[in-house]
């Protein structure tokens, strides 16, 4: 059965859809909404992340549930049956004998970023940052958090470029850990929805999650709606008891909002994994004292002669048997263009080149424990670079089995 795809992008009123009285067509700013969805909006609530009711911190059952979940994060220990995601912590030690680690993450409760934060620390006060991708960085810089967890790459969708730009914009923050988190896309619905009539007819989620689960959605023969935030959609479905609508989201979203997991791991590719970086401030009193020893170093640099010298830069590491496991480039925003005069031609013509900042991941730590080859390599790199910055030296923790 063919899969019917619909898109529900419902942002602020400035970008609301406008229906033309002449031909019935819809004008839009970012996404198109079909006439079928337009008809649906008249008969049932439509997910709008900006119109979700504010949860007050007193009284009702939903508040009690959120308060309990917060206690689980802050007080739950590995193996506790009451824990949200019982598991071995990645980092433990004297650091966690007192207050729980305040970990800022991008997004809202129920997101994979929250799962990454909870999995990374034994006792975690997970702090959602909903004000944009830079809000987690700002929370760490302002000492509102002890760590920040940010995604930088997915094995299927590639690099999250914005977070590389933010690491350049916040030079006082350093990478102190890396987490490879397998993505388990779950089909979430109101409890009992799969057993009652009518059964689930519509599945909503973020466009990336829908693309990851396309084969299963086709087999289910459901209508599909794309929204800008799967965790908010899960909350909306739970609060409005939409028993004919399911959400593709994380298991933690189901537990946050009391939804039933109808199916697990419905993604087409079981190797779907997201790479998260854990950030800290150098002067943080909880700095990397309990983390595992660093085995990877990330360096950012910009070359004086541009990309023409990239081979020279990489050869500096190659001749010392320093393995480069990843290279990424971002625009050099301070000096985005470089003009080169062509002296061989009459008239002094010039060529224009884009300038880049390169990130490279090295398989050895740039610490005092191994100063010889790495230090000499970075000293030589500085000779051909306009700037060099060690973004962090850290351990790599993989939950991928």
Protein backbone atom coordinates (compact mmCIF):
# COMPACT_ATOMS: atom_id res chain seq x y z
CA UNK A 1 0.00 0.00 0.00
CA UNK A 2 1.37 3.40 -0.89
CA UNK A 3 2.36 5.76 1.88
CA UNK A 4 0.56 9.10 1.95
CA UNK A 5 2.90 11.91 2.96
CA UNK A 6 1.74 15.11 4.55
CA UNK A 7 3.68 17.90 6.14
CA UNK A 8 2.56 19.93 9.16
CA UNK A 9 4.90 22.82 9.73
CA UNK A 10 3.12 25.20 12.07
CA UNK A 11 5.43 27.97 13.26
CA UNK A 12 4.60 31.54 14.33
CA UNK A 13 1.63 33.43 13.00
CA UNK A 14 3.83 35.42 10.62
CA UNK A 15 4.43 32.23 8.63
CA UNK A 16 0.92 30.77 8.89
CA UNK A 17 -0.59 29.41 5.73
CA UNK A 18 -2.78 31.77 3.76
CA UNK A 19 -5.64 30.32 1.72
CA UNK A 20 -6.31 32.06 -1.57
CA UNK A 21 -10.03 32.72 -2.18
CA UNK A 22 -9.52 32.58 -5.95
CA UNK A 23 -8.17 29.12 -6.59
CA UNK A 24 -8.07 27.48 -3.15
CA UNK A 25 -4.30 27.06 -3.30
CA UNK A 26 -2.08 27.58 -0.31
CA UNK A 27 0.88 29.91 -0.10
CA UNK A 28 3.60 28.95 2.32
CA UNK A 29 6.99 30.10 3.50
CA UNK A 30 8.78 26.87 4.32
CA UNK A 31 6.65 23.77 3.84
CA UNK A 32 3.60 22.91 1.78
CA UNK A 33 0.50 21.55 3.45
CA UNK A 34 -1.86 19.46 1.34
CA UNK A 35 -5.59 19.99 1.14
CA UNK A 36 -6.02 16.72 3.02
CA UNK A 37 -4.15 18.09 6.03
CA UNK A 38 -6.03 21.37 5.76
CA UNK A 39 -9.29 19.42 6.06
CA UNK A 40 -7.91 17.42 8.99
CA UNK A 41 -7.08 20.60 10.88
CA UNK A 42 -10.80 21.39 11.07
CA UNK A 43 -11.68 18.14 12.82
CA UNK A 44 -8.87 17.45 15.28
CA UNK A 45 -6.16 19.34 17.16
CA UNK A 46 -3.09 20.19 15.12
CA UNK A 47 0.34 20.03 16.63
CA UNK A 48 1.77 23.49 17.23
CA UNK A 49 4.90 23.56 19.42
CA UNK A 50 4.36 27.23 20.28
CA UNK A 51 0.85 26.64 21.65
CA UNK A 52 1.56 23.82 24.07
CA UNK A 53 0.21 24.63 27.53
CA UNK A 54 2.75 25.73 30.08
CA UNK A 55 3.29 23.11 32.76
CA UNK A 56 2.84 24.66 36.18
CA UNK A 57 5.02 23.31 38.96
CA UNK A 58 2.17 22.37 41.28
CA UNK A 59 -0.82 20.16 41.52
CA UNK A 60 -1.72 17.93 38.61
CA UNK A 61 -0.61 14.41 37.77
CA UNK A 62 1.52 15.54 34.81
CA UNK A 63 3.54 17.80 37.08
CA UNK A 64 4.03 15.02 39.60
CA UNK A 65 5.30 12.76 36.82
CA UNK A 66 7.80 15.38 35.62
CA UNK A 67 9.00 15.95 39.18
CA UNK A 68 9.48 12.22 39.65
CA UNK A 69 11.45 11.95 36.44
CA UNK A 70 13.71 14.76 37.59
CA UNK A 71 14.35 12.90 40.84
CA UNK A 72 15.19 9.77 38.84
CA UNK A 73 17.81 11.67 36.85
CA UNK A 74 19.33 13.28 39.94
CA UNK A 75 19.12 10.41 42.42
CA UNK A 76 18.77 7.22 40.37
CA UNK A 77 21.70 4.85 40.43
CA UNK A 78 22.65 2.23 37.80
CA UNK A 79 20.56 -0.93 38.06
CA UNK A 80 17.78 0.76 40.04
CA UNK A 81 14.47 -0.61 38.79
CA UNK A 82 12.94 2.85 39.16
CA UNK A 83 15.51 4.38 36.82
CA UNK A 84 14.41 5.83 33.53
CA UNK A 85 17.20 4.15 31.59
CA UNK A 86 19.10 1.85 34.00
CA UNK A 87 22.62 1.29 32.71
CA UNK A 88 26.28 1.61 33.54
CA UNK A 89 27.39 5.26 33.64
CA UNK A 90 30.10 6.39 31.28
CA UNK A 91 31.77 8.64 33.83
CA UNK A 92 31.80 8.03 37.57
CA UNK A 93 33.94 8.76 40.58
CA UNK A 94 34.32 11.26 43.42
CA UNK A 95 32.74 13.93 41.22
CA UNK A 96 29.31 12.40 41.75
CA UNK A 97 29.37 12.07 45.53
CA UNK A 98 27.80 15.50 45.98
CA UNK A 99 25.39 17.35 43.73
CA UNK A 100 24.41 15.75 40.43
CA UNK A 101 26.14 16.98 37.30
CA UNK A 102 24.16 19.74 35.59
CA UNK A 103 24.17 18.78 31.91
CA UNK A 104 22.70 21.15 29.33
CA UNK A 105 21.44 19.60 26.12
CA UNK A 106 19.94 20.96 22.93
CA UNK A 107 16.20 20.48 22.56
CA UNK A 108 13.33 19.45 24.81
CA UNK A 109 12.52 16.61 27.16
CA UNK A 110 12.16 13.34 25.32
CA UNK A 111 14.80 14.07 22.69
CA UNK A 112 17.79 11.91 21.85
CA UNK A 113 19.99 14.67 23.25
CA UNK A 114 18.37 14.09 26.64
CA UNK A 115 19.06 10.37 26.32
CA UNK A 116 22.71 11.14 25.54
CA UNK A 117 22.97 13.33 28.63
CA UNK A 118 21.40 10.70 30.90
CA UNK A 119 23.57 7.92 29.49
CA UNK A 120 26.77 9.93 29.84
CA UNK A 121 26.63 10.57 33.59
CA UNK A 122 25.83 8.54 36.67
CA UNK A 123 23.87 11.29 38.39
CA UNK A 124 22.58 13.82 35.94
CA UNK A 125 20.47 16.95 36.29
CA UNK A 126 19.54 17.10 32.59
CA UNK A 127 18.73 20.68 31.58
CA UNK A 128 16.76 21.15 28.33
CA UNK A 129 17.75 24.20 26.28
CA UNK A 130 14.91 25.12 23.96
CA UNK A 131 16.05 28.60 22.94
CA UNK A 132 18.05 27.50 19.91
CA UNK A 133 21.14 25.42 19.27
CA UNK A 134 23.42 28.00 20.88
CA UNK A 135 21.46 27.99 24.16
CA UNK A 136 23.28 24.90 25.47
CA UNK A 137 26.63 26.60 24.80
CA UNK A 138 25.44 29.75 26.56
CA UNK A 139 24.20 27.77 29.57
CA UNK A 140 27.67 26.28 29.98
CA UNK A 141 29.46 29.58 29.48
CA UNK A 142 27.25 31.33 32.04
CA UNK A 143 27.89 28.55 34.61
CA UNK A 144 24.24 27.50 34.58
CA UNK A 145 25.51 24.02 33.62
CA UNK A 146 28.62 21.95 34.35
CA UNK A 147 28.60 20.21 30.96
CA UNK A 148 26.87 20.51 27.62
CA UNK A 149 25.99 17.61 25.31
CA UNK A 150 25.70 18.47 21.61
CA UNK A 151 25.24 16.24 18.53
CA UNK A 152 27.77 16.75 15.75
CA UNK A 153 27.22 13.89 13.32
CA UNK A 154 24.77 11.15 12.34
CA UNK A 155 25.89 8.04 10.48
CA UNK A 156 23.07 8.42 7.92
CA UNK A 157 22.49 12.18 7.65
CA UNK A 158 26.05 13.42 8.06
CA UNK A 159 27.47 16.39 9.92
CA UNK A 160 25.49 18.88 12.01
CA UNK A 161 27.41 21.87 10.73
CA UNK A 162 25.86 24.44 13.04
CA UNK A 163 27.47 22.90 16.13
CA UNK A 164 30.93 23.04 14.52
CA UNK A 165 30.36 26.75 13.92
CA UNK A 166 29.27 27.20 17.53
CA UNK A 167 32.42 25.50 18.81
CA UNK A 168 34.42 28.10 16.88
CA UNK A 169 32.25 30.88 18.25
CA UNK A 170 32.76 29.72 21.85
CA UNK A 171 36.55 29.24 22.13
CA UNK A 172 36.47 29.01 25.95
CA UNK A 173 34.61 25.69 25.78
CA UNK A 174 36.53 22.46 25.26
CA UNK A 175 35.55 18.93 24.31
CA UNK A 176 36.07 16.55 27.25
CA UNK A 177 34.20 13.48 25.99
CA UNK A 178 32.55 11.79 23.04
CA UNK A 179 29.50 9.51 22.99
CA UNK A 180 28.39 7.28 20.13
CA UNK A 181 24.67 6.67 20.69
CA UNK A 182 22.70 4.10 18.64
CA UNK A 183 19.37 5.56 17.54
CA UNK A 184 16.35 3.46 18.42
CA UNK A 185 13.33 4.87 16.59
CA UNK A 186 10.18 3.74 18.42
CA UNK A 187 6.56 3.92 17.31
CA UNK A 188 4.84 5.64 20.25
CA UNK A 189 1.09 5.93 20.84
CA UNK A 190 -1.46 6.49 23.59
CA UNK A 191 -1.67 3.38 25.75
CA UNK A 192 -4.05 0.85 24.23
CA UNK A 193 -4.23 2.66 20.89
CA UNK A 194 -2.96 -0.36 18.97
CA UNK A 195 -5.68 -2.58 20.46
CA UNK A 196 -8.71 -0.33 20.09
CA UNK A 197 -10.67 0.81 17.06
CA UNK A 198 -9.88 2.99 15.24
CA UNK A 199 -6.27 1.84 14.97
CA UNK A 200 -3.38 4.19 14.28
CA UNK A 201 -3.96 5.98 10.99
CA UNK A 202 -1.39 8.78 11.12
CA UNK A 203 2.28 8.83 12.09
CA UNK A 204 4.04 12.12 12.85
CA UNK A 205 7.72 12.88 13.43
CA UNK A 206 10.69 14.95 12.34
CA UNK A 207 11.45 14.64 8.59
CA UNK A 208 14.75 12.87 9.30
CA UNK A 209 13.08 10.24 11.47
CA UNK A 210 10.41 9.68 8.83
CA UNK A 211 13.12 9.21 6.20
CA UNK A 212 14.94 6.72 8.46
CA UNK A 213 11.76 4.61 8.81
CA UNK A 214 10.34 4.87 5.31
CA UNK A 215 10.13 1.14 4.58
CA UNK A 216 8.22 0.37 7.79
CA UNK A 217 5.84 3.29 7.22
CA UNK A 218 5.06 2.05 3.71
CA UNK A 219 4.30 -1.40 5.12
CA UNK A 220 1.96 0.09 7.73
CA UNK A 221 0.07 2.02 5.05
CA UNK A 222 -0.43 5.07 7.27
CA UNK A 223 -0.56 8.75 6.51
CA UNK A 224 2.60 10.64 7.46
CA UNK A 225 2.93 14.15 8.82
CA UNK A 226 6.30 15.90 9.21
CA UNK A 227 6.74 18.20 12.22
CA UNK A 228 9.72 20.20 13.37
CA UNK A 229 10.11 18.44 16.75
CA UNK A 230 9.27 14.79 17.49
CA UNK A 231 9.47 15.13 21.28
CA UNK A 232 6.98 18.01 21.31
CA UNK A 233 4.73 15.97 19.02
CA UNK A 234 4.88 13.09 21.52
CA UNK A 235 3.80 15.43 24.30
CA UNK A 236 0.97 16.80 22.15
CA UNK A 237 -0.34 13.33 21.28
CA UNK A 238 -0.23 12.30 24.96
CA UNK A 239 -1.94 15.44 26.29
CA UNK A 240 -4.71 15.34 23.66
CA UNK A 241 -5.20 11.56 23.79
CA UNK A 242 -4.99 11.21 19.99
CA UNK A 243 -5.54 7.45 19.81
CA UNK A 244 -5.41 7.41 15.99
CA UNK A 245 -2.00 9.11 15.85
CA UNK A 246 1.43 7.68 16.62
CA UNK A 247 4.83 9.37 16.89
CA UNK A 248 8.24 8.15 15.82
CA UNK A 249 10.53 9.10 18.68
CA UNK A 250 12.89 7.90 21.36
CA UNK A 251 12.04 5.45 24.11
CA UNK A 252 12.77 8.20 26.59
CA UNK A 253 10.04 10.33 24.97
CA UNK A 254 7.55 7.54 25.56
CA UNK A 255 8.49 7.34 29.22
CA UNK A 256 8.48 11.10 29.64
CA UNK A 257 4.93 11.47 28.37
CA UNK A 258 3.41 8.10 29.26
CA UNK A 259 3.12 6.74 25.73
CA UNK A 260 3.15 3.07 24.82
CA UNK A 261 5.92 1.67 22.64
CA UNK A 262 4.07 -0.15 19.87
CA UNK A 263 7.27 -1.11 18.03
CA UNK A 264 10.99 -0.63 18.60
CA UNK A 265 13.84 -0.15 16.11
CA UNK A 266 11.59 0.53 13.14
CA UNK A 267 14.42 2.32 11.29
CA UNK A 268 15.48 0.92 7.92
CA UNK A 269 19.18 0.88 8.85
CA UNK A 270 20.06 -0.69 12.20
CA UNK A 271 23.49 1.00 12.18
CA UNK A 272 21.93 4.45 12.66
CA UNK A 273 24.17 6.17 15.22
CA UNK A 274 24.64 9.75 16.40
CA UNK A 275 27.93 11.16 17.66
CA UNK A 276 27.68 13.55 20.61
CA UNK A 277 30.42 15.74 22.06
CA UNK A 278 30.55 16.63 25.76
CA UNK A 279 31.77 20.17 26.44
CA UNK A 280 33.17 21.82 29.56
CA UNK A 281 34.90 25.02 30.64
CA UNK A 282 38.61 24.82 31.49
CA UNK A 283 38.10 26.52 34.87
CA UNK A 284 35.10 24.35 35.77
CA UNK A 285 35.64 22.92 39.24
CA UNK A 286 34.15 19.67 37.95
CA UNK A 287 36.48 19.58 34.97
CA UNK A 288 37.49 16.26 33.49
CA UNK A 289 38.80 14.76 36.77
CA UNK A 290 36.67 11.61 36.56
CA UNK A 291 36.58 11.09 32.83
CA UNK A 292 38.45 8.30 31.13
CA UNK A 293 41.93 9.14 29.79
CA UNK A 294 41.89 10.96 26.46
CA UNK A 295 42.48 8.90 23.35
CA UNK A 296 41.39 11.38 20.69
CA UNK A 297 42.28 15.00 19.99
CA UNK A 298 40.38 17.48 17.84
CA UNK A 299 42.31 20.39 16.34
CA UNK A 300 40.91 23.37 14.42
CA UNK A 301 43.15 25.40 12.13
CA UNK A 302 43.12 27.79 9.19
CA UNK A 303 45.93 27.79 6.60
CA UNK A 304 47.79 30.91 5.49
CA UNK A 305 47.75 29.80 1.85
CA UNK A 306 44.28 28.29 1.97
CA UNK A 307 43.31 24.82 0.82
CA UNK A 308 46.41 24.62 -1.39
CA UNK A 309 48.37 23.78 1.78
CA UNK A 310 45.95 21.18 3.10
CA UNK A 311 48.14 18.35 1.82
CA UNK A 312 51.12 19.84 3.69
CA UNK A 313 49.05 20.05 6.88
CA UNK A 314 47.95 16.42 6.70
CA UNK A 315 51.43 15.22 5.84
CA UNK A 316 52.68 16.74 9.11
CA UNK A 317 50.63 14.13 10.95
CA UNK A 318 51.26 11.31 8.48
CA UNK A 319 55.06 11.40 8.77
CA UNK A 320 54.71 11.02 12.55
CA UNK A 321 52.25 8.11 12.31
CA UNK A 322 49.49 10.24 13.87
CA UNK A 323 46.25 8.88 12.46
CA UNK A 324 43.73 11.41 11.14
CA UNK A 325 40.32 9.78 11.57
CA UNK A 326 38.14 12.67 10.41
CA UNK A 327 38.43 15.99 8.62
CA UNK A 328 35.74 18.63 8.37
CA UNK A 329 35.74 22.12 6.88
CA UNK A 330 33.70 25.19 7.75
CA UNK A 331 33.71 28.69 6.23
CA UNK A 332 36.18 31.13 7.75
CA UNK A 333 33.58 33.71 8.72
CA UNK A 334 35.98 36.41 9.89
CA UNK A 335 37.89 36.38 6.60
CA UNK A 336 35.70 34.46 4.15
CA UNK A 337 37.53 35.47 0.96
CA UNK A 338 41.17 35.64 -0.12
CA UNK A 339 42.35 37.55 -3.18
CA UNK A 340 45.53 36.34 -4.90
CA UNK A 341 47.25 38.56 -7.46
CA UNK A 342 48.38 36.85 -10.66
CA UNK A 343 51.72 38.57 -11.34
CA UNK A 344 52.39 36.52 -14.48
CA UNK A 345 49.56 38.16 -16.41
CA UNK A 346 49.50 41.75 -17.60
CA UNK A 347 47.13 44.06 -15.85
CA UNK A 348 47.61 42.46 -12.44
CA UNK A 349 44.53 40.24 -12.52
CA UNK A 350 43.52 38.49 -9.31
CA UNK A 351 41.77 35.30 -8.26
CA UNK A 352 39.29 34.95 -5.42
CA UNK A 353 39.29 31.91 -3.13
CA UNK A 354 37.03 30.92 -0.25
CA UNK A 355 38.75 30.54 3.10
CA UNK A 356 38.05 27.61 5.44
CA UNK A 357 38.59 26.41 8.98
CA UNK A 358 39.52 22.72 9.14
CA UNK A 359 38.70 20.34 11.99
CA UNK A 360 40.77 17.17 12.22
CA UNK A 361 40.37 14.32 14.68
CA UNK A 362 43.63 12.68 15.74
CA UNK A 363 43.97 9.32 17.43
CA UNK A 364 46.47 10.47 20.05
CA UNK A 365 45.97 12.87 22.97
CA UNK A 366 47.60 16.30 22.91
CA UNK A 367 48.52 16.16 26.59
CA UNK A 368 51.69 16.15 28.61
CA UNK A 369 51.56 12.36 28.65
CA UNK A 370 52.50 12.27 24.99
CA UNK A 371 54.20 15.57 24.17
CA UNK A 372 56.86 14.52 21.72
CA UNK A 373 55.26 13.71 18.36
CA UNK A 374 52.02 15.63 18.86
CA UNK A 375 53.63 18.78 20.18
CA UNK A 376 56.16 18.87 17.34
CA UNK A 377 53.36 18.27 14.83
CA UNK A 378 51.31 21.16 16.17
CA UNK A 379 54.37 23.44 16.26
CA UNK A 380 55.03 22.68 12.60
CA UNK A 381 51.33 23.14 11.76
CA UNK A 382 51.44 26.63 13.25
CA UNK A 383 54.16 27.60 10.78
CA UNK A 384 51.74 27.26 7.84
CA UNK A 385 48.56 28.27 9.68
CA UNK A 386 47.00 31.58 10.59
CA UNK A 387 45.60 30.00 13.76
CA UNK A 388 45.62 26.60 15.50
CA UNK A 389 43.37 25.64 18.40
CA UNK A 390 43.12 22.38 20.30
CA UNK A 391 39.36 21.92 20.63
CA UNK A 392 39.77 19.08 23.10
CA UNK A 393 41.53 15.88 24.10
CA UNK A 394 39.04 13.27 25.24
CA UNK A 395 37.90 9.67 25.46
CA UNK A 396 35.53 7.97 23.03
CA UNK A 397 32.70 5.98 24.55
CA UNK A 398 30.56 3.80 22.29
CA UNK A 399 27.26 2.22 23.27
CA UNK A 400 27.09 0.53 19.88
CA UNK A 401 27.19 -3.23 20.35
